[in-house]
């Protein structure tokens, strides 16, 4: 599980990243990031209803994304607020 100090929890913090952050996109994900003044990076994971209508699948996708972040946290840049958003694909590669 991703530690609480590494999570963006408040709506206004996430909205700030969307407002002032820069974006990077791929076929499966988009990433918005903005610098923060902390000694650690914080993350939020967004999986919309268009990815899958079932909440259990969306939550499972979020858990997988958070686990990937947790395992690679040491190699990621520090002092950023990052929002990772999953996109809908026709053939989603994960069978949950």
PDB file of N, CA and C in Angstrom:
ATOM      1  N   UNK A   1       0.836  -1.169   0.000  1.00  0.00           N
ATOM      2  CA  UNK A   1       0.000   0.000   0.000  1.00  0.00           C
ATOM      3  C   UNK A   1       0.890   1.244   0.000  1.00  0.00           C
ATOM      4  N   UNK A   2       0.470   2.230  -0.706  1.00  0.00           N
ATOM      5  CA  UNK A   2       1.198   3.492  -0.788  1.00  0.00           C
ATOM      6  C   UNK A   2       1.019   4.263   0.514  1.00  0.00           C
ATOM      7  N   UNK A   3       2.101   4.747   1.083  1.00  0.00           N
ATOM      8  CA  UNK A   3       2.047   5.462   2.363  1.00  0.00           C
ATOM      9  C   UNK A   3       1.245   6.752   2.235  1.00  0.00           C
ATOM     10  N   UNK A   4       0.646   7.164   3.344  1.00  0.00           N
ATOM     11  CA  UNK A   4      -0.188   8.369   3.350  1.00  0.00           C
ATOM     12  C   UNK A   4       0.594   9.628   2.978  1.00  0.00           C
ATOM     13  N   UNK A   5       1.873   9.679   3.322  1.00  0.00           N
ATOM     14  CA  UNK A   5       2.653  10.873   2.975  1.00  0.00           C
ATOM     15  C   UNK A   5       2.895  10.966   1.472  1.00  0.00           C
ATOM     16  N   UNK A   6       2.673   9.881   0.752  1.00  0.00           N
ATOM     17  CA  UNK A   6       2.864   9.870  -0.695  1.00  0.00           C
ATOM     18  C   UNK A   6       1.551   9.955  -1.464  1.00  0.00           C
ATOM     19  N   UNK A   7       0.465  10.317  -0.795  1.00  0.00           N
ATOM     20  CA  UNK A   7      -0.830  10.395  -1.466  1.00  0.00           C
ATOM     21  C   UNK A   7      -1.354  11.824  -1.479  1.00  0.00           C
ATOM     22  N   UNK A   8      -1.927  12.192  -2.616  1.00  0.00           N
ATOM     23  CA  UNK A   8      -2.684  13.443  -2.706  1.00  0.00           C
ATOM     24  C   UNK A   8      -4.110  13.103  -2.296  1.00  0.00           C
ATOM     25  N   UNK A   9      -4.603  13.710  -1.246  1.00  0.00           N
ATOM     26  CA  UNK A   9      -5.912  13.350  -0.723  1.00  0.00           C
ATOM     27  C   UNK A   9      -6.972  14.431  -0.954  1.00  0.00           C
ATOM     28  N   UNK A  10      -6.574  15.663  -0.898  1.00  0.00           N
ATOM     29  CA  UNK A  10      -7.557  16.742  -0.956  1.00  0.00           C
ATOM     30  C   UNK A  10      -7.876  17.133  -2.393  1.00  0.00           C
ATOM     31  N   UNK A  11      -9.133  17.421  -2.619  1.00  0.00           N
ATOM     32  CA  UNK A  11      -9.603  17.783  -3.956  1.00  0.00           C
ATOM     33  C   UNK A  11      -8.896  19.028  -4.463  1.00  0.00           C
ATOM     34  N   UNK A  12      -8.688  19.989  -3.597  1.00  0.00           N
ATOM     35  CA  UNK A  12      -8.046  21.231  -4.045  1.00  0.00           C
ATOM     36  C   UNK A  12      -6.599  21.010  -4.467  1.00  0.00           C
ATOM     37  N   UNK A  13      -5.916  20.051  -3.850  1.00  0.00           N
ATOM     38  CA  UNK A  13      -4.547  19.736  -4.256  1.00  0.00           C
ATOM     39  C   UNK A  13      -4.524  19.086  -5.641  1.00  0.00           C
ATOM     40  N   UNK A  14      -5.466  18.196  -5.888  1.00  0.00           N
ATOM     41  CA  UNK A  14      -5.556  17.540  -7.196  1.00  0.00           C
ATOM     42  C   UNK A  14      -5.950  18.555  -8.260  1.00  0.00           C
ATOM     43  N   UNK A  15      -6.886  19.437  -7.951  1.00  0.00           N
ATOM     44  CA  UNK A  15      -7.293  20.472  -8.896  1.00  0.00           C
ATOM     45  C   UNK A  15      -6.146  21.418  -9.214  1.00  0.00           C
ATOM     46  N   UNK A  16      -5.300  21.682  -8.242  1.00  0.00           N
ATOM     47  CA  UNK A  16      -4.133  22.542  -8.470  1.00  0.00           C
ATOM     48  C   UNK A  16      -3.187  21.898  -9.481  1.00  0.00           C
ATOM     49  N   UNK A  17      -2.989  20.587  -9.364  1.00  0.00           N
ATOM     50  CA  UNK A  17      -2.123  19.882 -10.315  1.00  0.00           C
ATOM     51  C   UNK A  17      -2.725  19.955 -11.712  1.00  0.00           C
ATOM     52  N   UNK A  18      -4.045  19.758 -11.832  1.00  0.00           N
ATOM     53  CA  UNK A  18      -4.689  19.854 -13.140  1.00  0.00           C
ATOM     54  C   UNK A  18      -4.611  21.266 -13.704  1.00  0.00           C
ATOM     55  N   UNK A  19      -4.643  22.272 -12.847  1.00  0.00           N
ATOM     56  CA  UNK A  19      -4.644  23.655 -13.305  1.00  0.00           C
ATOM     57  C   UNK A  19      -3.250  24.128 -13.738  1.00  0.00           C
ATOM     58  N   UNK A  20      -2.232  23.858 -12.918  1.00  0.00           N
ATOM     59  CA  UNK A  20      -0.908  24.416 -13.216  1.00  0.00           C
ATOM     60  C   UNK A  20       0.092  23.377 -13.712  1.00  0.00           C
ATOM     61  N   UNK A  21      -0.274  22.101 -13.666  1.00  0.00           N
ATOM     62  CA  UNK A  21       0.670  21.046 -13.997  1.00  0.00           C
ATOM     63  C   UNK A  21       0.902  20.874 -15.482  1.00  0.00           C
ATOM     64  N   UNK A  22       1.965  20.178 -15.791  1.00  0.00           N
ATOM     65  CA  UNK A  22       2.291  19.818 -17.168  1.00  0.00           C
ATOM     66  C   UNK A  22       1.847  18.391 -17.400  1.00  0.00           C
ATOM     67  N   UNK A  23       1.587  18.048 -18.661  1.00  0.00           N
ATOM     68  CA  UNK A  23       1.014  16.736 -18.977  1.00  0.00           C
ATOM     69  C   UNK A  23       1.949  15.905 -19.842  1.00  0.00           C
ATOM     70  N   UNK A  24       1.880  14.598 -19.612  1.00  0.00           N
ATOM     71  CA  UNK A  24       2.548  13.603 -20.441  1.00  0.00           C
ATOM     72  C   UNK A  24       1.509  12.529 -20.707  1.00  0.00           C
ATOM     73  N   UNK A  25       1.366  12.117 -21.985  1.00  0.00           N
ATOM     74  CA  UNK A  25       0.331  11.158 -22.337  1.00  0.00           C
ATOM     75  C   UNK A  25       0.926   9.960 -23.063  1.00  0.00           C
ATOM     76  N   UNK A  26       0.282   8.814 -22.847  1.00  0.00           N
ATOM     77  CA  UNK A  26       0.594   7.606 -23.598  1.00  0.00           C
ATOM     78  C   UNK A  26      -0.728   6.980 -24.017  1.00  0.00           C
ATOM     79  N   UNK A  27      -0.679   5.815 -24.612  1.00  0.00           N
ATOM     80  CA  UNK A  27      -1.908   5.155 -25.054  1.00  0.00           C
ATOM     81  C   UNK A  27      -2.769   4.719 -23.879  1.00  0.00           C
ATOM     82  N   UNK A  28      -2.151   4.313 -22.772  1.00  0.00           N
ATOM     83  CA  UNK A  28      -2.901   3.787 -21.639  1.00  0.00           C
ATOM     84  C   UNK A  28      -3.133   4.783 -20.521  1.00  0.00           C
ATOM     85  N   UNK A  29      -2.244   5.744 -20.372  1.00  0.00           N
ATOM     86  CA  UNK A  29      -2.295   6.639 -19.224  1.00  0.00           C
ATOM     87  C   UNK A  29      -1.980   8.072 -19.617  1.00  0.00           C
ATOM     88  N   UNK A  30      -2.414   8.987 -18.786  1.00  0.00           N
ATOM     89  CA  UNK A  30      -1.926  10.355 -18.865  1.00  0.00           C
ATOM     90  C   UNK A  30      -1.448  10.738 -17.467  1.00  0.00           C
ATOM     91  N   UNK A  31      -0.445  11.595 -17.434  1.00  0.00           N
ATOM     92  CA  UNK A  31       0.174  11.972 -16.184  1.00  0.00           C
ATOM     93  C   UNK A  31       0.262  13.486 -16.145  1.00  0.00           C
ATOM     94  N   UNK A  32      -0.227  14.079 -15.075  1.00  0.00           N
ATOM     95  CA  UNK A  32      -0.086  15.516 -14.853  1.00  0.00           C
ATOM     96  C   UNK A  32       0.809  15.685 -13.647  1.00  0.00           C
ATOM     97  N   UNK A  33       1.754  16.610 -13.714  1.00  0.00           N
ATOM     98  CA  UNK A  33       2.653  16.810 -12.594  1.00  0.00           C
ATOM     99  C   UNK A  33       2.902  18.290 -12.368  1.00  0.00           C
ATOM    100  N   UNK A  34       3.114  18.618 -11.108  1.00  0.00           N
ATOM    101  CA  UNK A  34       3.419  19.986 -10.706  1.00  0.00           C
ATOM    102  C   UNK A  34       4.401  19.912  -9.536  1.00  0.00           C
ATOM    103  N   UNK A  35       5.322  20.838  -9.455  1.00  0.00           N
ATOM    104  CA  UNK A  35       6.272  20.810  -8.335  1.00  0.00           C
ATOM    105  C   UNK A  35       5.572  21.150  -7.015  1.00  0.00           C
ATOM    106  N   UNK A  36       6.069  20.572  -5.939  1.00  0.00           N
ATOM    107  CA  UNK A  36       5.586  20.943  -4.606  1.00  0.00           C
ATOM    108  C   UNK A  36       6.775  21.360  -3.762  1.00  0.00           C
ATOM    109  N   UNK A  37       6.529  21.832  -2.569  1.00  0.00           N
ATOM    110  CA  UNK A  37       7.611  22.312  -1.701  1.00  0.00           C
ATOM    111  C   UNK A  37       7.939  21.312  -0.599  1.00  0.00           C
ATOM    112  N   UNK A  38       7.590  20.072  -0.801  1.00  0.00           N
ATOM    113  CA  UNK A  38       7.829  19.039   0.193  1.00  0.00           C
ATOM    114  C   UNK A  38       9.074  18.241  -0.163  1.00  0.00           C
ATOM    115  N   UNK A  39       9.500  17.394   0.742  1.00  0.00           N
ATOM    116  CA  UNK A  39      10.685  16.570   0.493  1.00  0.00           C
ATOM    117  C   UNK A  39      10.325  15.233  -0.144  1.00  0.00           C
ATOM    118  N   UNK A  40       9.050  15.037  -0.465  1.00  0.00           N
ATOM    119  CA  UNK A  40       8.608  13.786  -1.063  1.00  0.00           C
ATOM    120  C   UNK A  40       7.582  14.068  -2.156  1.00  0.00           C
ATOM    121  N   UNK A  41       7.428  13.131  -3.056  1.00  0.00           N
ATOM    122  CA  UNK A  41       6.409  13.261  -4.096  1.00  0.00           C
ATOM    123  C   UNK A  41       5.102  12.673  -3.601  1.00  0.00           C
ATOM    124  N   UNK A  42       4.003  13.235  -4.092  1.00  0.00           N
ATOM    125  CA  UNK A  42       2.681  12.743  -3.729  1.00  0.00           C
ATOM    126  C   UNK A  42       1.930  12.379  -5.003  1.00  0.00           C
ATOM    127  N   UNK A  43       1.084  11.352  -4.898  1.00  0.00           N
ATOM    128  CA  UNK A  43       0.420  10.800  -6.068  1.00  0.00           C
ATOM    129  C   UNK A  43      -1.081  10.697  -5.843  1.00  0.00           C
ATOM    130  N   UNK A  44      -1.825  10.823  -6.941  1.00  0.00           N
ATOM    131  CA  UNK A  44      -3.248  10.512  -6.968  1.00  0.00           C
ATOM    132  C   UNK A  44      -3.478   9.662  -8.205  1.00  0.00           C
ATOM    133  N   UNK A  45      -4.369   8.690  -8.082  1.00  0.00           N
ATOM    134  CA  UNK A  45      -4.685   7.789  -9.182  1.00  0.00           C
ATOM    135  C   UNK A  45      -6.154   7.969  -9.527  1.00  0.00           C
ATOM    136  N   UNK A  46      -6.435   8.203 -10.806  1.00  0.00           N
ATOM    137  CA  UNK A  46      -7.803   8.430 -11.265  1.00  0.00           C
ATOM    138  C   UNK A  46      -8.144   7.383 -12.324  1.00  0.00           C
ATOM    139  N   UNK A  47      -9.233   6.670 -12.077  1.00  0.00           N
ATOM    140  CA  UNK A  47      -9.752   5.710 -13.055  1.00  0.00           C
ATOM    141  C   UNK A  47     -11.231   6.026 -13.205  1.00  0.00           C
ATOM    142  N   UNK A  48     -11.594   6.603 -14.338  1.00  0.00           N
ATOM    143  CA  UNK A  48     -12.965   7.042 -14.553  1.00  0.00           C
ATOM    144  C   UNK A  48     -13.908   5.906 -14.903  1.00  0.00           C
ATOM    145  N   UNK A  49     -15.177   6.220 -14.895  1.00  0.00           N
ATOM    146  CA  UNK A  49     -16.207   5.226 -15.175  1.00  0.00           C
ATOM    147  C   UNK A  49     -16.162   4.751 -16.623  1.00  0.00           C
ATOM    148  N   UNK A  50     -15.555   5.536 -17.513  1.00  0.00           N
ATOM    149  CA  UNK A  50     -15.440   5.119 -18.916  1.00  0.00           C
ATOM    150  C   UNK A  50     -14.439   3.975 -19.086  1.00  0.00           C
ATOM    151  N   UNK A  51     -13.517   3.825 -18.152  1.00  0.00           N
ATOM    152  CA  UNK A  51     -12.563   2.723 -18.229  1.00  0.00           C
ATOM    153  C   UNK A  51     -13.283   1.405 -17.985  1.00  0.00           C
ATOM    154  N   UNK A  52     -14.105   1.353 -16.947  1.00  0.00           N
ATOM    155  CA  UNK A  52     -14.926   0.180 -16.662  1.00  0.00           C
ATOM    156  C   UNK A  52     -16.085   0.635 -15.792  1.00  0.00           C
ATOM    157  N   UNK A  53     -17.259   0.159 -16.101  1.00  0.00           N
ATOM    158  CA  UNK A  53     -18.440   0.585 -15.355  1.00  0.00           C
ATOM    159  C   UNK A  53     -18.486   0.002 -13.950  1.00  0.00           C
ATOM    160  N   UNK A  54     -17.792  -1.102 -13.741  1.00  0.00           N
ATOM    161  CA  UNK A  54     -17.831  -1.769 -12.436  1.00  0.00           C
ATOM    162  C   UNK A  54     -16.817  -1.145 -11.489  1.00  0.00           C
ATOM    163  N   UNK A  55     -17.290  -0.731 -10.324  1.00  0.00           N
ATOM    164  CA  UNK A  55     -16.424  -0.105  -9.330  1.00  0.00           C
ATOM    165  C   UNK A  55     -15.339  -1.058  -8.842  1.00  0.00           C
ATOM    166  N   UNK A  56     -15.652  -2.337  -8.765  1.00  0.00           N
ATOM    167  CA  UNK A  56     -14.648  -3.290  -8.292  1.00  0.00           C
ATOM    168  C   UNK A  56     -13.464  -3.364  -9.245  1.00  0.00           C
ATOM    169  N   UNK A  57     -13.712  -3.299 -10.540  1.00  0.00           N
ATOM    170  CA  UNK A  57     -12.613  -3.305 -11.517  1.00  0.00           C
ATOM    171  C   UNK A  57     -11.824  -2.005 -11.465  1.00  0.00           C
ATOM    172  N   UNK A  58     -12.539  -0.890 -11.364  1.00  0.00           N
ATOM    173  CA  UNK A  58     -11.836   0.401 -11.271  1.00  0.00           C
ATOM    174  C   UNK A  58     -10.950   0.445 -10.030  1.00  0.00           C
ATOM    175  N   UNK A  59     -11.456  -0.045  -8.907  1.00  0.00           N
ATOM    176  CA  UNK A  59     -10.662  -0.060  -7.679  1.00  0.00           C
ATOM    177  C   UNK A  59      -9.472  -0.997  -7.794  1.00  0.00           C
ATOM    178  N   UNK A  60      -9.644  -2.120  -8.465  1.00  0.00           N
ATOM    179  CA  UNK A  60      -8.528  -3.046  -8.667  1.00  0.00           C
ATOM    180  C   UNK A  60      -7.448  -2.411  -9.535  1.00  0.00           C
ATOM    181  N   UNK A  61      -7.855  -1.684 -10.555  1.00  0.00           N
ATOM    182  CA  UNK A  61      -6.891  -0.985 -11.417  1.00  0.00           C
ATOM    183  C   UNK A  61      -6.136   0.063 -10.608  1.00  0.00           C
ATOM    184  N   UNK A  62      -6.853   0.787  -9.752  1.00  0.00           N
ATOM    185  CA  UNK A  62      -6.199   1.779  -8.889  1.00  0.00           C
ATOM    186  C   UNK A  62      -5.184   1.119  -7.964  1.00  0.00           C
ATOM    187  N   UNK A  63      -5.544  -0.019  -7.388  1.00  0.00           N
ATOM    188  CA  UNK A  63      -4.618  -0.719  -6.495  1.00  0.00           C
ATOM    189  C   UNK A  63      -3.358  -1.164  -7.242  1.00  0.00           C
ATOM    190  N   UNK A  64      -3.531  -1.659  -8.465  1.00  0.00           N
ATOM    191  CA  UNK A  64      -2.367  -2.055  -9.260  1.00  0.00           C
ATOM    192  C   UNK A  64      -1.472  -0.860  -9.583  1.00  0.00           C
ATOM    193  N   UNK A  65      -2.081   0.254  -9.943  1.00  0.00           N
ATOM    194  CA  UNK A  65      -1.306   1.446 -10.270  1.00  0.00           C
ATOM    195  C   UNK A  65      -0.557   1.966  -9.037  1.00  0.00           C
ATOM    196  N   UNK A  66      -1.216   1.962  -7.879  1.00  0.00           N
ATOM    197  CA  UNK A  66      -0.549   2.402  -6.649  1.00  0.00           C
ATOM    198  C   UNK A  66       0.601   1.476  -6.272  1.00  0.00           C
ATOM    199  N   UNK A  67       0.428   0.186  -6.511  1.00  0.00           N
ATOM    200  CA  UNK A  67       1.492  -0.765  -6.197  1.00  0.00           C
ATOM    201  C   UNK A  67       2.705  -0.542  -7.095  1.00  0.00           C
ATOM    202  N   UNK A  68       2.487  -0.263  -8.355  1.00  0.00           N
ATOM    203  CA  UNK A  68       3.602   0.052  -9.261  1.00  0.00           C
ATOM    204  C   UNK A  68       4.324   1.309  -8.786  1.00  0.00           C
ATOM    205  N   UNK A  69       3.565   2.308  -8.364  1.00  0.00           N
ATOM    206  CA  UNK A  69       4.178   3.532  -7.839  1.00  0.00           C
ATOM    207  C   UNK A  69       4.989   3.219  -6.593  1.00  0.00           C
ATOM    208  N   UNK A  70       4.416   2.432  -5.685  1.00  0.00           N
ATOM    209  CA  UNK A  70       5.100   2.101  -4.426  1.00  0.00           C
ATOM    210  C   UNK A  70       6.415   1.369  -4.680  1.00  0.00           C
ATOM    211  N   UNK A  71       6.402   0.432  -5.609  1.00  0.00           N
ATOM    212  CA  UNK A  71       7.609  -0.341  -5.893  1.00  0.00           C
ATOM    213  C   UNK A  71       8.695   0.492  -6.565  1.00  0.00           C
ATOM    214  N   UNK A  72       8.314   1.539  -7.269  1.00  0.00           N
ATOM    215  CA  UNK A  72       9.278   2.376  -7.993  1.00  0.00           C
ATOM    216  C   UNK A  72       9.470   3.741  -7.363  1.00  0.00           C
ATOM    217  N   UNK A  73       9.020   3.924  -6.152  1.00  0.00           N
ATOM    218  CA  UNK A  73       9.056   5.227  -5.497  1.00  0.00           C
ATOM    219  C   UNK A  73      10.477   5.754  -5.318  1.00  0.00           C
ATOM    220  N   UNK A  74      11.417   4.887  -5.024  1.00  0.00           N
ATOM    221  CA  UNK A  74      12.797   5.326  -4.800  1.00  0.00           C
ATOM    222  C   UNK A  74      13.453   5.865  -6.065  1.00  0.00           C
ATOM    223  N   UNK A  75      13.036   5.373  -7.227  1.00  0.00           N
ATOM    224  CA  UNK A  75      13.660   5.807  -8.469  1.00  0.00           C
ATOM    225  C   UNK A  75      12.939   6.998  -9.108  1.00  0.00           C
ATOM    226  N   UNK A  76      11.809   7.422  -8.540  1.00  0.00           N
ATOM    227  CA  UNK A  76      11.056   8.547  -9.087  1.00  0.00           C
ATOM    228  C   UNK A  76      11.593   9.863  -8.553  1.00  0.00           C
ATOM    229  N   UNK A  77      11.358  10.922  -9.307  1.00  0.00           N
ATOM    230  CA  UNK A  77      11.804  12.246  -8.893  1.00  0.00           C
ATOM    231  C   UNK A  77      11.071  12.688  -7.631  1.00  0.00           C
ATOM    232  N   UNK A  78      11.737  13.474  -6.803  1.00  0.00           N
ATOM    233  CA  UNK A  78      11.100  13.951  -5.581  1.00  0.00           C
ATOM    234  C   UNK A  78      10.534  15.348  -5.784  1.00  0.00           C
ATOM    235  N   UNK A  79       9.688  15.754  -4.862  1.00  0.00           N
ATOM    236  CA  UNK A  79       9.101  17.096  -4.814  1.00  0.00           C
ATOM    237  C   UNK A  79       8.158  17.391  -5.975  1.00  0.00           C
ATOM    238  N   UNK A  80       7.333  16.417  -6.322  1.00  0.00           N
ATOM    239  CA  UNK A  80       6.301  16.628  -7.332  1.00  0.00           C
ATOM    240  C   UNK A  80       4.975  16.089  -6.829  1.00  0.00           C
ATOM    241  N   UNK A  81       3.904  16.764  -7.225  1.00  0.00           N
ATOM    242  CA  UNK A  81       2.555  16.238  -7.066  1.00  0.00           C
ATOM    243  C   UNK A  81       2.167  15.663  -8.416  1.00  0.00           C
ATOM    244  N   UNK A  82       1.747  14.409  -8.437  1.00  0.00           N
ATOM    245  CA  UNK A  82       1.503  13.696  -9.693  1.00  0.00           C
ATOM    246  C   UNK A  82       0.116  13.079  -9.667  1.00  0.00           C
ATOM    247  N   UNK A  83      -0.647  13.299 -10.748  1.00  0.00           N
ATOM    248  CA  UNK A  83      -1.953  12.673 -10.920  1.00  0.00           C
ATOM    249  C   UNK A  83      -1.853  11.759 -12.133  1.00  0.00           C
ATOM    250  N   UNK A  84      -2.076  10.473 -11.908  1.00  0.00           N
ATOM    251  CA  UNK A  84      -2.002   9.462 -12.950  1.00  0.00           C
ATOM    252  C   UNK A  84      -3.423   9.037 -13.298  1.00  0.00           C
ATOM    253  N   UNK A  85      -3.788   9.160 -14.575  1.00  0.00           N
ATOM    254  CA  UNK A  85      -5.144   8.859 -15.033  1.00  0.00           C
ATOM    255  C   UNK A  85      -5.097   7.713 -16.039  1.00  0.00           C
ATOM    256  N   UNK A  86      -5.956   6.707 -15.827  1.00  0.00           N
ATOM    257  CA  UNK A  86      -6.043   5.571 -16.747  1.00  0.00           C
ATOM    258  C   UNK A  86      -7.048   5.896 -17.844  1.00  0.00           C
ATOM    259  N   UNK A  87      -6.795   5.364 -19.053  1.00  0.00           N
ATOM    260  CA  UNK A  87      -7.684   5.570 -20.190  1.00  0.00           C
ATOM    261  C   UNK A  87      -8.310   4.265 -20.632  1.00  0.00           C
ATOM    262  N   UNK A  88      -9.426   4.363 -21.290  1.00  0.00           N
ATOM    263  CA  UNK A  88     -10.150   3.201 -21.802  1.00  0.00           C
ATOM    264  C   UNK A  88      -9.471   2.714 -23.073  1.00  0.00           C
ATOM    265  N   UNK A  89      -9.266   1.401 -23.138  1.00  0.00           N
ATOM    266  CA  UNK A  89      -8.783   0.761 -24.347  1.00  0.00           C
ATOM    267  C   UNK A  89      -9.807  -0.281 -24.792  1.00  0.00           C
ATOM    268  N   UNK A  90      -9.842  -0.556 -26.072  1.00  0.00           N
ATOM    269  CA  UNK A  90     -10.785  -1.543 -26.576  1.00  0.00           C
ATOM    270  C   UNK A  90     -10.488  -2.906 -25.972  1.00  0.00           C
ATOM    271  N   UNK A  91      -9.245  -3.316 -25.977  1.00  0.00           N
ATOM    272  CA  UNK A  91      -8.831  -4.582 -25.385  1.00  0.00           C
ATOM    273  C   UNK A  91      -7.961  -4.304 -24.177  1.00  0.00           C
ATOM    274  N   UNK A  92      -8.582  -4.047 -23.048  1.00  0.00           N
ATOM    275  CA  UNK A  92      -7.821  -3.765 -21.834  1.00  0.00           C
ATOM    276  C   UNK A  92      -7.013  -5.006 -21.473  1.00  0.00           C
ATOM    277  N   UNK A  93      -5.710  -4.891 -21.273  1.00  0.00           N
ATOM    278  CA  UNK A  93      -4.870  -6.083 -21.109  1.00  0.00           C
ATOM    279  C   UNK A  93      -5.004  -6.795 -19.765  1.00  0.00           C
ATOM    280  N   UNK A  94      -5.700  -6.217 -18.828  1.00  0.00           N
ATOM    281  CA  UNK A  94      -5.776  -6.797 -17.490  1.00  0.00           C
ATOM    282  C   UNK A  94      -7.059  -7.591 -17.337  1.00  0.00           C
ATOM    283  N   UNK A  95      -6.936  -8.822 -16.910  1.00  0.00           N
ATOM    284  CA  UNK A  95      -8.094  -9.625 -16.550  1.00  0.00           C
ATOM    285  C   UNK A  95      -8.137  -9.708 -15.037  1.00  0.00           C
ATOM    286  N   UNK A  96      -9.098  -9.035 -14.430  1.00  0.00           N
ATOM    287  CA  UNK A  96      -9.183  -9.000 -12.977  1.00  0.00           C
ATOM    288  C   UNK A  96     -10.312  -9.866 -12.476  1.00  0.00           C
TER     289      UNK A  96
END
